[in-house]
């Protein structure tokens, strides 16, 4: 099995959808399969957008840095 360490969320979702033949499943079981398939495509797009954003800052680290920058009062 290939390593998933370098696999992007977008690639993982695509691979999973492919592995379980989700589009075929939707076609066979859902009258509105096209709408549901569009939702999956939107999820993949969202995953790629989130992936390209910088990681959020750790709120504890932000507060600690702010506290360290405040001069000590005597």
C-alpha atoms as a PDB file:
ATOM      1  CA  UNK A   1       0.000   0.000   0.000  1.00  0.00           C
ATOM      2  CA  UNK A   2       1.447   3.409  -0.925  1.00  0.00           C
ATOM      3  CA  UNK A   3       2.350   5.865   1.781  1.00  0.00           C
ATOM      4  CA  UNK A   4      -0.353   8.425   2.528  1.00  0.00           C
ATOM      5  CA  UNK A   5       2.037  10.865   4.220  1.00  0.00           C
ATOM      6  CA  UNK A   6       2.435  12.999   1.088  1.00  0.00           C
ATOM      7  CA  UNK A   7      -1.108  12.546  -0.174  1.00  0.00           C
ATOM      8  CA  UNK A   8      -3.190  15.701  -0.178  1.00  0.00           C
ATOM      9  CA  UNK A   9      -6.723  15.733   1.225  1.00  0.00           C
ATOM     10  CA  UNK A  10      -7.986  16.343  -2.315  1.00  0.00           C
ATOM     11  CA  UNK A  11      -6.152  13.265  -3.608  1.00  0.00           C
ATOM     12  CA  UNK A  12      -7.367  11.162  -0.694  1.00  0.00           C
ATOM     13  CA  UNK A  13     -11.015  12.081  -1.314  1.00  0.00           C
ATOM     14  CA  UNK A  14     -10.690  11.411  -5.042  1.00  0.00           C
ATOM     15  CA  UNK A  15      -9.052   8.041  -4.400  1.00  0.00           C
ATOM     16  CA  UNK A  16     -11.671   7.010  -1.854  1.00  0.00           C
ATOM     17  CA  UNK A  17     -14.555   7.994  -4.136  1.00  0.00           C
ATOM     18  CA  UNK A  18     -12.922   6.023  -6.931  1.00  0.00           C
ATOM     19  CA  UNK A  19     -12.173   2.972  -4.766  1.00  0.00           C
ATOM     20  CA  UNK A  20     -15.775   2.635  -3.613  1.00  0.00           C
ATOM     21  CA  UNK A  21     -17.238   3.488  -7.040  1.00  0.00           C
ATOM     22  CA  UNK A  22     -19.332   6.175  -5.433  1.00  0.00           C
ATOM     23  CA  UNK A  23     -20.455   7.803  -8.664  1.00  0.00           C
ATOM     24  CA  UNK A  24     -21.822   4.467  -9.925  1.00  0.00           C
ATOM     25  CA  UNK A  25     -23.490   3.870  -6.572  1.00  0.00           C
ATOM     26  CA  UNK A  26     -25.205   7.257  -6.765  1.00  0.00           C
ATOM     27  CA  UNK A  27     -26.350   6.611 -10.319  1.00  0.00           C
ATOM     28  CA  UNK A  28     -27.919   3.302  -9.288  1.00  0.00           C
ATOM     29  CA  UNK A  29     -29.531   4.432  -6.038  1.00  0.00           C
ATOM     30  CA  UNK A  30     -30.375   8.131  -6.243  1.00  0.00           C
ATOM     31  CA  UNK A  31     -32.733   9.921  -8.598  1.00  0.00           C
ATOM     32  CA  UNK A  32     -30.891  13.177  -7.922  1.00  0.00           C
ATOM     33  CA  UNK A  33     -27.456  11.586  -8.321  1.00  0.00           C
ATOM     34  CA  UNK A  34     -26.113  14.498 -10.389  1.00  0.00           C
ATOM     35  CA  UNK A  35     -26.744  16.930  -7.551  1.00  0.00           C
ATOM     36  CA  UNK A  36     -25.122  14.606  -5.059  1.00  0.00           C
ATOM     37  CA  UNK A  37     -22.152  14.072  -7.372  1.00  0.00           C
ATOM     38  CA  UNK A  38     -21.774  17.845  -7.662  1.00  0.00           C
ATOM     39  CA  UNK A  39     -21.582  17.964  -3.859  1.00  0.00           C
ATOM     40  CA  UNK A  40     -18.661  15.532  -3.967  1.00  0.00           C
ATOM     41  CA  UNK A  41     -16.929  17.671  -6.584  1.00  0.00           C
ATOM     42  CA  UNK A  42     -17.453  20.735  -4.377  1.00  0.00           C
ATOM     43  CA  UNK A  43     -15.928  18.853  -1.437  1.00  0.00           C
ATOM     44  CA  UNK A  44     -12.864  18.029  -3.539  1.00  0.00           C
ATOM     45  CA  UNK A  45     -12.560  21.662  -4.621  1.00  0.00           C
ATOM     46  CA  UNK A  46     -12.913  22.854  -1.023  1.00  0.00           C
ATOM     47  CA  UNK A  47     -10.210  20.402   0.091  1.00  0.00           C
ATOM     48  CA  UNK A  48      -7.809  21.828  -2.484  1.00  0.00           C
ATOM     49  CA  UNK A  49      -8.600  25.406  -1.398  1.00  0.00           C
ATOM     50  CA  UNK A  50      -8.052  24.627   2.277  1.00  0.00           C
ATOM     51  CA  UNK A  51      -4.845  22.803   1.433  1.00  0.00           C
ATOM     52  CA  UNK A  52      -3.422  25.913  -0.235  1.00  0.00           C
ATOM     53  CA  UNK A  53      -4.070  28.115   2.822  1.00  0.00           C
ATOM     54  CA  UNK A  54      -1.444  28.514   5.524  1.00  0.00           C
ATOM     55  CA  UNK A  55      -2.124  26.467   8.647  1.00  0.00           C
ATOM     56  CA  UNK A  56      -4.021  28.292  11.382  1.00  0.00           C
ATOM     57  CA  UNK A  57      -1.988  29.658  14.235  1.00  0.00           C
ATOM     58  CA  UNK A  58      -2.097  27.859  17.538  1.00  0.00           C
ATOM     59  CA  UNK A  59      -4.180  30.167  19.777  1.00  0.00           C
ATOM     60  CA  UNK A  60      -2.094  29.292  22.839  1.00  0.00           C
ATOM     61  CA  UNK A  61       1.114  30.189  21.019  1.00  0.00           C
ATOM     62  CA  UNK A  62      -0.430  33.507  19.906  1.00  0.00           C
ATOM     63  CA  UNK A  63      -1.421  34.429  23.474  1.00  0.00           C
ATOM     64  CA  UNK A  64       1.982  33.356  24.813  1.00  0.00           C
ATOM     65  CA  UNK A  65       3.764  35.502  22.223  1.00  0.00           C
ATOM     66  CA  UNK A  66       1.544  38.470  23.060  1.00  0.00           C
ATOM     67  CA  UNK A  67       2.226  38.038  26.772  1.00  0.00           C
ATOM     68  CA  UNK A  68       5.970  37.784  26.140  1.00  0.00           C
ATOM     69  CA  UNK A  69       5.865  41.071  24.222  1.00  0.00           C
ATOM     70  CA  UNK A  70       4.214  42.961  27.123  1.00  0.00           C
ATOM     71  CA  UNK A  71       6.823  44.615  29.367  1.00  0.00           C
ATOM     72  CA  UNK A  72       6.786  43.425  32.939  1.00  0.00           C
ATOM     73  CA  UNK A  73       5.273  45.910  35.391  1.00  0.00           C
ATOM     74  CA  UNK A  74       6.919  46.487  38.775  1.00  0.00           C
END
